[in-house]
N, C-alpha and C. Protein backbone atom coordinates (compact mmCIF):
# COMPACT_ATOMS: atom_id res chain seq x y z
N MET A 1 15.14 196.80 109.46
CA MET A 1 15.15 195.41 109.89
C MET A 1 16.52 195.11 110.50
N CYS A 2 16.53 194.54 111.65
CA CYS A 2 17.80 194.25 112.31
C CYS A 2 18.35 192.91 111.84
N ALA A 3 19.60 192.63 112.20
CA ALA A 3 20.28 191.41 111.75
C ALA A 3 19.57 190.16 112.24
N VAL A 4 18.99 190.21 113.44
CA VAL A 4 18.28 189.05 113.98
C VAL A 4 17.05 188.74 113.14
N ASP A 5 16.31 189.78 112.71
CA ASP A 5 15.12 189.56 111.89
C ASP A 5 15.49 188.95 110.55
N ARG A 6 16.57 189.42 109.93
CA ARG A 6 17.01 188.85 108.66
C ARG A 6 17.43 187.41 108.83
N ARG A 7 18.13 187.11 109.91
CA ARG A 7 18.59 185.75 110.16
C ARG A 7 17.39 184.82 110.39
N SER A 8 16.42 185.24 111.16
CA SER A 8 15.27 184.37 111.42
C SER A 8 14.46 184.15 110.14
N GLY A 9 14.39 185.16 109.28
CA GLY A 9 13.72 184.99 108.00
C GLY A 9 14.47 184.02 107.11
N ARG A 10 15.79 184.13 107.11
CA ARG A 10 16.63 183.20 106.35
C ARG A 10 16.47 181.79 106.89
N ASP A 11 16.47 181.67 108.21
CA ASP A 11 16.31 180.36 108.83
C ASP A 11 14.95 179.75 108.46
N ALA A 12 13.91 180.56 108.50
CA ALA A 12 12.58 180.06 108.17
C ALA A 12 12.50 179.60 106.71
N GLU A 13 13.11 180.37 105.81
CA GLU A 13 13.13 179.97 104.40
C GLU A 13 13.88 178.66 104.21
N PHE A 14 15.02 178.55 104.87
CA PHE A 14 15.80 177.33 104.74
C PHE A 14 15.05 176.14 105.34
N GLU A 15 14.44 176.31 106.49
CA GLU A 15 13.66 175.23 107.11
C GLU A 15 12.52 174.79 106.20
N ALA A 16 11.87 175.73 105.54
CA ALA A 16 10.79 175.38 104.61
C ALA A 16 11.34 174.59 103.42
N PHE A 17 12.49 175.00 102.92
CA PHE A 17 13.13 174.27 101.83
C PHE A 17 13.45 172.84 102.26
N VAL A 18 14.06 172.69 103.44
CA VAL A 18 14.43 171.36 103.93
C VAL A 18 13.19 170.50 104.12
N ALA A 19 12.14 171.08 104.67
CA ALA A 19 10.90 170.32 104.88
C ALA A 19 10.34 169.79 103.56
N GLY A 20 10.47 170.58 102.52
CA GLY A 20 9.93 170.16 101.23
C GLY A 20 10.84 169.26 100.41
N ALA A 21 12.15 169.39 100.59
CA ALA A 21 13.09 168.68 99.71
C ALA A 21 13.87 167.56 100.37
N ALA A 22 13.89 167.49 101.68
CA ALA A 22 14.76 166.53 102.36
C ALA A 22 14.44 165.08 102.01
N GLY A 23 13.19 164.74 101.87
CA GLY A 23 12.83 163.36 101.54
C GLY A 23 13.39 162.92 100.20
N ARG A 24 13.21 163.75 99.21
CA ARG A 24 13.72 163.41 97.88
C ARG A 24 15.24 163.41 97.87
N LEU A 25 15.85 164.37 98.53
CA LEU A 25 17.31 164.41 98.60
C LEU A 25 17.87 163.20 99.34
N LEU A 26 17.18 162.75 100.38
CA LEU A 26 17.63 161.55 101.10
C LEU A 26 17.53 160.34 100.18
N HIS A 27 16.49 160.29 99.37
CA HIS A 27 16.36 159.18 98.42
C HIS A 27 17.51 159.20 97.41
N VAL A 28 17.87 160.37 96.93
CA VAL A 28 19.01 160.49 96.02
C VAL A 28 20.28 160.00 96.72
N ALA A 29 20.48 160.45 97.95
CA ALA A 29 21.67 160.03 98.70
C ALA A 29 21.68 158.53 98.93
N ALA A 30 20.52 157.95 99.24
CA ALA A 30 20.44 156.51 99.47
C ALA A 30 20.71 155.73 98.18
N LEU A 31 20.26 156.25 97.05
CA LEU A 31 20.58 155.60 95.78
C LEU A 31 22.08 155.63 95.53
N LEU A 32 22.70 156.76 95.82
CA LEU A 32 24.14 156.88 95.61
C LEU A 32 24.93 155.94 96.51
N THR A 33 24.53 155.83 97.76
CA THR A 33 25.27 154.99 98.70
C THR A 33 24.81 153.54 98.65
N ALA A 34 23.76 153.24 97.89
CA ALA A 34 23.20 151.90 97.76
C ALA A 34 22.73 151.36 99.11
N GLU A 35 22.16 152.25 99.92
CA GLU A 35 21.60 151.87 101.21
C GLU A 35 20.09 151.96 101.15
N PRO A 36 19.40 151.17 101.96
CA PRO A 36 17.94 151.35 102.03
C PRO A 36 17.61 152.70 102.66
N PRO A 37 16.65 153.46 102.11
CA PRO A 37 16.37 154.81 102.61
C PRO A 37 16.00 154.87 104.10
N ASP A 38 15.38 153.82 104.62
CA ASP A 38 14.96 153.86 106.02
C ASP A 38 16.12 153.62 106.99
N ALA A 39 17.22 153.07 106.51
CA ALA A 39 18.40 152.84 107.35
C ALA A 39 19.63 153.16 106.52
N ALA A 40 19.92 154.44 106.39
CA ALA A 40 20.99 154.87 105.49
C ALA A 40 21.92 155.85 106.20
N PRO A 41 22.79 155.36 107.08
CA PRO A 41 23.64 156.29 107.83
C PRO A 41 24.60 157.09 106.95
N ALA A 42 25.19 156.47 105.96
CA ALA A 42 26.12 157.20 105.09
C ALA A 42 25.36 158.23 104.25
N ALA A 43 24.19 157.85 103.75
CA ALA A 43 23.38 158.79 102.98
C ALA A 43 22.96 159.98 103.83
N ARG A 44 22.55 159.72 105.05
CA ARG A 44 22.15 160.81 105.95
C ARG A 44 23.34 161.72 106.27
N ARG A 45 24.51 161.14 106.42
CA ARG A 45 25.71 161.93 106.73
C ARG A 45 26.08 162.85 105.56
N ILE A 46 26.09 162.31 104.34
CA ILE A 46 26.45 163.19 103.21
C ILE A 46 25.36 164.21 102.93
N LEU A 47 24.09 163.85 103.18
CA LEU A 47 23.01 164.82 103.00
C LEU A 47 23.12 165.93 104.03
N ALA A 48 23.43 165.60 105.27
CA ALA A 48 23.58 166.64 106.30
C ALA A 48 24.69 167.61 105.92
N GLY A 49 25.79 167.10 105.41
CA GLY A 49 26.87 167.97 104.97
C GLY A 49 26.45 168.86 103.81
N ALA A 50 25.72 168.29 102.86
CA ALA A 50 25.26 169.06 101.70
C ALA A 50 24.29 170.16 102.14
N LEU A 51 23.40 169.83 103.06
CA LEU A 51 22.46 170.84 103.56
C LEU A 51 23.18 171.92 104.34
N ALA A 52 24.21 171.55 105.09
CA ALA A 52 24.99 172.56 105.83
C ALA A 52 25.68 173.52 104.87
N ARG A 53 26.22 172.98 103.78
CA ARG A 53 26.88 173.85 102.79
C ARG A 53 25.85 174.72 102.07
N THR A 54 24.67 174.18 101.81
CA THR A 54 23.61 174.99 101.20
C THR A 54 23.20 176.12 102.13
N TYR A 55 23.05 175.80 103.41
CA TYR A 55 22.68 176.84 104.38
C TYR A 55 23.74 177.94 104.43
N ALA A 56 25.00 177.54 104.37
CA ALA A 56 26.08 178.53 104.42
C ALA A 56 26.03 179.49 103.23
N HIS A 57 25.49 179.02 102.10
CA HIS A 57 25.40 179.85 100.89
C HIS A 57 23.98 180.36 100.65
N TRP A 58 23.09 180.19 101.60
CA TRP A 58 21.67 180.47 101.40
C TRP A 58 21.42 181.89 100.90
N ALA A 59 22.09 182.86 101.47
CA ALA A 59 21.84 184.26 101.09
C ALA A 59 22.20 184.50 99.62
N ARG A 60 23.17 183.75 99.09
CA ARG A 60 23.58 183.92 97.70
C ARG A 60 22.73 183.11 96.73
N LEU A 61 21.84 182.28 97.23
CA LEU A 61 21.03 181.41 96.36
C LEU A 61 19.69 182.04 95.98
N ARG A 62 19.49 183.28 96.23
CA ARG A 62 18.20 183.93 95.97
C ARG A 62 17.67 183.66 94.55
N ASP A 63 18.52 183.79 93.55
CA ASP A 63 18.07 183.62 92.18
C ASP A 63 18.33 182.22 91.63
N ASP A 64 18.96 181.38 92.41
CA ASP A 64 19.26 180.02 91.98
C ASP A 64 18.28 179.05 92.63
N ASP A 65 18.24 177.85 92.09
CA ASP A 65 17.38 176.81 92.64
C ASP A 65 18.13 176.13 93.79
N PRO A 66 17.64 176.25 95.01
CA PRO A 66 18.36 175.63 96.13
C PRO A 66 18.40 174.11 96.03
N TYR A 67 17.39 173.51 95.40
CA TYR A 67 17.41 172.05 95.24
C TYR A 67 18.58 171.64 94.35
N ASP A 68 18.74 172.32 93.21
CA ASP A 68 19.86 172.01 92.31
C ASP A 68 21.19 172.20 93.02
N HIS A 69 21.30 173.29 93.78
CA HIS A 69 22.55 173.55 94.50
C HIS A 69 22.82 172.43 95.52
N THR A 70 21.81 172.04 96.26
CA THR A 70 21.99 171.00 97.28
C THR A 70 22.29 169.66 96.64
N ARG A 71 21.63 169.35 95.52
CA ARG A 71 21.92 168.10 94.82
C ARG A 71 23.36 168.09 94.33
N ALA A 72 23.83 169.20 93.81
CA ALA A 72 25.23 169.28 93.37
C ALA A 72 26.18 169.09 94.55
N GLU A 73 25.87 169.70 95.68
CA GLU A 73 26.68 169.52 96.89
C GLU A 73 26.66 168.07 97.34
N LEU A 74 25.50 167.45 97.28
CA LEU A 74 25.33 166.05 97.67
C LEU A 74 26.16 165.14 96.78
N CYS A 75 26.09 165.36 95.48
CA CYS A 75 26.86 164.55 94.54
C CYS A 75 28.36 164.75 94.73
N ALA A 76 28.76 165.98 94.98
CA ALA A 76 30.19 166.25 95.22
C ALA A 76 30.66 165.55 96.50
N ALA A 77 29.83 165.60 97.54
CA ALA A 77 30.19 164.93 98.80
C ALA A 77 30.28 163.42 98.60
N TYR A 78 29.35 162.87 97.83
CA TYR A 78 29.41 161.44 97.56
C TYR A 78 30.69 161.10 96.77
N ALA A 79 30.99 161.90 95.77
CA ALA A 79 32.19 161.64 94.96
C ALA A 79 33.46 161.68 95.81
N ARG A 80 33.50 162.58 96.80
CA ARG A 80 34.68 162.68 97.67
C ARG A 80 34.81 161.49 98.61
N THR A 81 33.69 160.87 98.98
CA THR A 81 33.72 159.83 100.01
C THR A 81 33.39 158.44 99.49
N ALA A 82 33.04 158.29 98.24
CA ALA A 82 32.53 157.03 97.71
C ALA A 82 33.47 155.86 97.93
N ARG A 83 34.75 156.07 97.77
CA ARG A 83 35.72 154.97 97.90
C ARG A 83 35.82 154.45 99.33
N ARG A 84 35.44 155.28 100.29
CA ARG A 84 35.51 154.87 101.69
C ARG A 84 34.21 154.26 102.20
N LEU A 85 33.15 154.30 101.40
CA LEU A 85 31.86 153.77 101.83
C LEU A 85 31.78 152.27 101.60
N PRO A 86 31.03 151.56 102.45
CA PRO A 86 30.81 150.14 102.17
C PRO A 86 30.04 150.00 100.86
N PRO A 87 30.12 148.85 100.20
CA PRO A 87 29.52 148.71 98.86
C PRO A 87 28.00 148.85 98.83
N GLY A 88 27.31 148.59 99.90
CA GLY A 88 25.86 148.71 99.91
C GLY A 88 25.20 147.49 99.32
N ALA A 89 23.88 147.46 99.42
CA ALA A 89 23.13 146.30 98.94
C ALA A 89 21.91 146.70 98.13
N GLY A 90 21.79 147.96 97.78
CA GLY A 90 20.64 148.43 97.02
C GLY A 90 20.70 148.02 95.57
N VAL A 91 19.71 148.43 94.83
CA VAL A 91 19.61 148.06 93.42
C VAL A 91 20.80 148.58 92.61
N LEU A 92 21.41 149.67 93.04
CA LEU A 92 22.55 150.23 92.32
C LEU A 92 23.90 149.73 92.84
N ALA A 93 23.87 148.78 93.77
CA ALA A 93 25.11 148.26 94.36
C ALA A 93 26.10 147.70 93.34
N PRO A 94 25.65 147.08 92.23
CA PRO A 94 26.64 146.56 91.27
C PRO A 94 27.43 147.63 90.52
N LEU A 95 27.02 148.88 90.64
CA LEU A 95 27.65 149.96 89.87
C LEU A 95 28.82 150.58 90.63
N ALA A 96 29.79 151.02 89.87
CA ALA A 96 30.91 151.79 90.42
C ALA A 96 30.39 153.18 90.83
N PRO A 97 31.10 153.89 91.70
CA PRO A 97 30.62 155.20 92.15
C PRO A 97 30.30 156.18 91.02
N LEU A 98 31.15 156.29 90.02
CA LEU A 98 30.86 157.21 88.91
C LEU A 98 29.61 156.78 88.16
N GLU A 99 29.44 155.49 87.97
CA GLU A 99 28.24 154.99 87.29
C GLU A 99 26.98 155.34 88.08
N ARG A 100 27.05 155.19 89.40
CA ARG A 100 25.90 155.57 90.24
C ARG A 100 25.60 157.06 90.11
N LEU A 101 26.65 157.88 90.21
CA LEU A 101 26.46 159.32 90.11
C LEU A 101 25.78 159.70 88.80
N VAL A 102 26.32 159.21 87.71
CA VAL A 102 25.77 159.56 86.39
C VAL A 102 24.35 159.03 86.26
N LEU A 103 24.11 157.80 86.64
CA LEU A 103 22.78 157.22 86.49
C LEU A 103 21.74 157.96 87.33
N VAL A 104 22.08 158.26 88.57
CA VAL A 104 21.14 158.97 89.44
C VAL A 104 20.85 160.36 88.88
N MET A 105 21.90 161.06 88.47
CA MET A 105 21.68 162.41 87.95
C MET A 105 20.90 162.39 86.64
N ARG A 106 21.28 161.51 85.72
CA ARG A 106 20.65 161.50 84.40
C ARG A 106 19.26 160.87 84.42
N ILE A 107 19.12 159.69 85.02
CA ILE A 107 17.87 158.94 84.93
C ILE A 107 16.90 159.32 86.05
N TYR A 108 17.35 159.23 87.29
CA TYR A 108 16.44 159.50 88.41
C TYR A 108 16.11 160.99 88.52
N GLU A 109 17.12 161.84 88.45
CA GLU A 109 16.91 163.28 88.62
C GLU A 109 16.59 164.00 87.32
N GLY A 110 16.88 163.40 86.18
CA GLY A 110 16.56 164.03 84.90
C GLY A 110 17.43 165.23 84.56
N VAL A 111 18.65 165.24 85.06
CA VAL A 111 19.57 166.34 84.78
C VAL A 111 20.12 166.17 83.37
N ALA A 112 20.16 167.24 82.62
CA ALA A 112 20.64 167.19 81.24
C ALA A 112 22.08 166.68 81.20
N GLU A 113 22.41 166.01 80.11
CA GLU A 113 23.74 165.44 79.94
C GLU A 113 24.84 166.49 80.07
N GLU A 114 24.62 167.66 79.49
CA GLU A 114 25.62 168.72 79.53
C GLU A 114 25.81 169.25 80.96
N VAL A 115 24.71 169.36 81.70
CA VAL A 115 24.78 169.84 83.08
C VAL A 115 25.48 168.80 83.95
N THR A 116 25.12 167.53 83.76
CA THR A 116 25.78 166.45 84.49
C THR A 116 27.28 166.47 84.21
N ALA A 117 27.63 166.60 82.94
CA ALA A 117 29.04 166.63 82.56
C ALA A 117 29.77 167.79 83.23
N ALA A 118 29.15 168.96 83.22
CA ALA A 118 29.78 170.13 83.83
C ALA A 118 29.96 169.94 85.34
N GLN A 119 28.94 169.41 86.01
CA GLN A 119 29.04 169.22 87.45
C GLN A 119 30.08 168.17 87.82
N LEU A 120 30.26 167.17 86.97
CA LEU A 120 31.22 166.11 87.28
C LEU A 120 32.59 166.36 86.67
N GLY A 121 32.70 167.42 85.87
CA GLY A 121 33.99 167.73 85.24
C GLY A 121 34.38 166.74 84.16
N LEU A 122 33.38 166.24 83.43
CA LEU A 122 33.61 165.26 82.37
C LEU A 122 33.07 165.78 81.05
N PRO A 123 33.59 165.27 79.94
CA PRO A 123 32.98 165.64 78.66
C PRO A 123 31.61 164.95 78.53
N PRO A 124 30.67 165.57 77.82
CA PRO A 124 29.34 164.98 77.67
C PRO A 124 29.38 163.57 77.07
N GLU A 125 30.32 163.31 76.17
CA GLU A 125 30.42 161.98 75.55
C GLU A 125 30.74 160.92 76.61
N ARG A 126 31.57 161.29 77.56
CA ARG A 126 31.92 160.36 78.64
C ARG A 126 30.71 160.09 79.53
N VAL A 127 29.94 161.13 79.83
CA VAL A 127 28.73 160.97 80.63
C VAL A 127 27.77 160.01 79.92
N GLU A 128 27.61 160.18 78.62
CA GLU A 128 26.73 159.30 77.86
C GLU A 128 27.23 157.86 77.91
N ALA A 129 28.52 157.66 77.73
CA ALA A 129 29.10 156.31 77.75
C ALA A 129 28.95 155.67 79.13
N VAL A 130 29.20 156.42 80.19
CA VAL A 130 29.07 155.88 81.54
C VAL A 130 27.61 155.53 81.83
N CYS A 131 26.69 156.37 81.41
CA CYS A 131 25.27 156.11 81.62
C CYS A 131 24.84 154.85 80.87
N ASN A 132 25.26 154.71 79.64
CA ASN A 132 24.92 153.52 78.86
C ASN A 132 25.49 152.25 79.49
N ARG A 133 26.73 152.34 79.97
CA ARG A 133 27.36 151.20 80.63
C ARG A 133 26.61 150.83 81.91
N ALA A 134 26.21 151.82 82.69
CA ALA A 134 25.49 151.57 83.94
C ALA A 134 24.14 150.89 83.67
N VAL A 135 23.44 151.37 82.66
CA VAL A 135 22.15 150.75 82.31
C VAL A 135 22.37 149.31 81.86
N ALA A 136 23.41 149.05 81.09
CA ALA A 136 23.70 147.69 80.64
C ALA A 136 24.02 146.78 81.82
N ILE A 137 24.79 147.27 82.76
CA ILE A 137 25.12 146.48 83.95
C ILE A 137 23.85 146.12 84.72
N LEU A 138 22.98 147.09 84.90
CA LEU A 138 21.73 146.83 85.65
C LEU A 138 20.81 145.88 84.88
N ARG A 139 20.78 146.01 83.56
CA ARG A 139 19.99 145.08 82.73
C ARG A 139 20.50 143.65 82.89
N ASP A 140 21.82 143.49 82.82
CA ASP A 140 22.43 142.16 82.98
C ASP A 140 22.15 141.61 84.37
N ALA A 141 22.24 142.44 85.39
CA ALA A 141 21.97 141.99 86.76
C ALA A 141 20.52 141.56 86.91
N ALA A 142 19.60 142.31 86.30
CA ALA A 142 18.19 141.94 86.35
C ALA A 142 17.91 140.65 85.60
N ALA A 143 18.58 140.46 84.47
CA ALA A 143 18.39 139.23 83.69
C ALA A 143 18.92 138.03 84.45
N GLU A 144 20.04 138.19 85.14
CA GLU A 144 20.59 137.10 85.94
C GLU A 144 19.68 136.75 87.11
N ALA A 145 19.07 137.76 87.71
CA ALA A 145 18.19 137.54 88.86
C ALA A 145 16.89 136.86 88.44
N ALA A 146 16.47 137.06 87.21
CA ALA A 146 15.20 136.50 86.73
C ALA A 146 15.32 135.08 86.31
């Protein structure tokens, strides 16, 4: 098999992954940026970067879950740029960037507390405290709106 055949096979695998996962990953990115999914330029930008980094490592991801890898890249990209993003207007807009990250990973994505802690470089107790605080903030915001 020549290098071109291997590359086209890799490209086809990656394209299939993107076709299957891009919608959910865009929703994760939109939750993080607090933008509506149908008009989310910042979310699309950080997702494109995360997908580019996943593609660059695609050959090494054979035994790993590419969705988990891309989500981790997406969260890292958001963490690097969160302070420069506009506050957004989505349901998670009242939350600080770390609170959004933890809440999306723990509640929306169902990532274990220990895994979330490892990916964010925090102790598990801190992840639990941030998640609890984020839920309380959203509860208070919902009570005020009602």
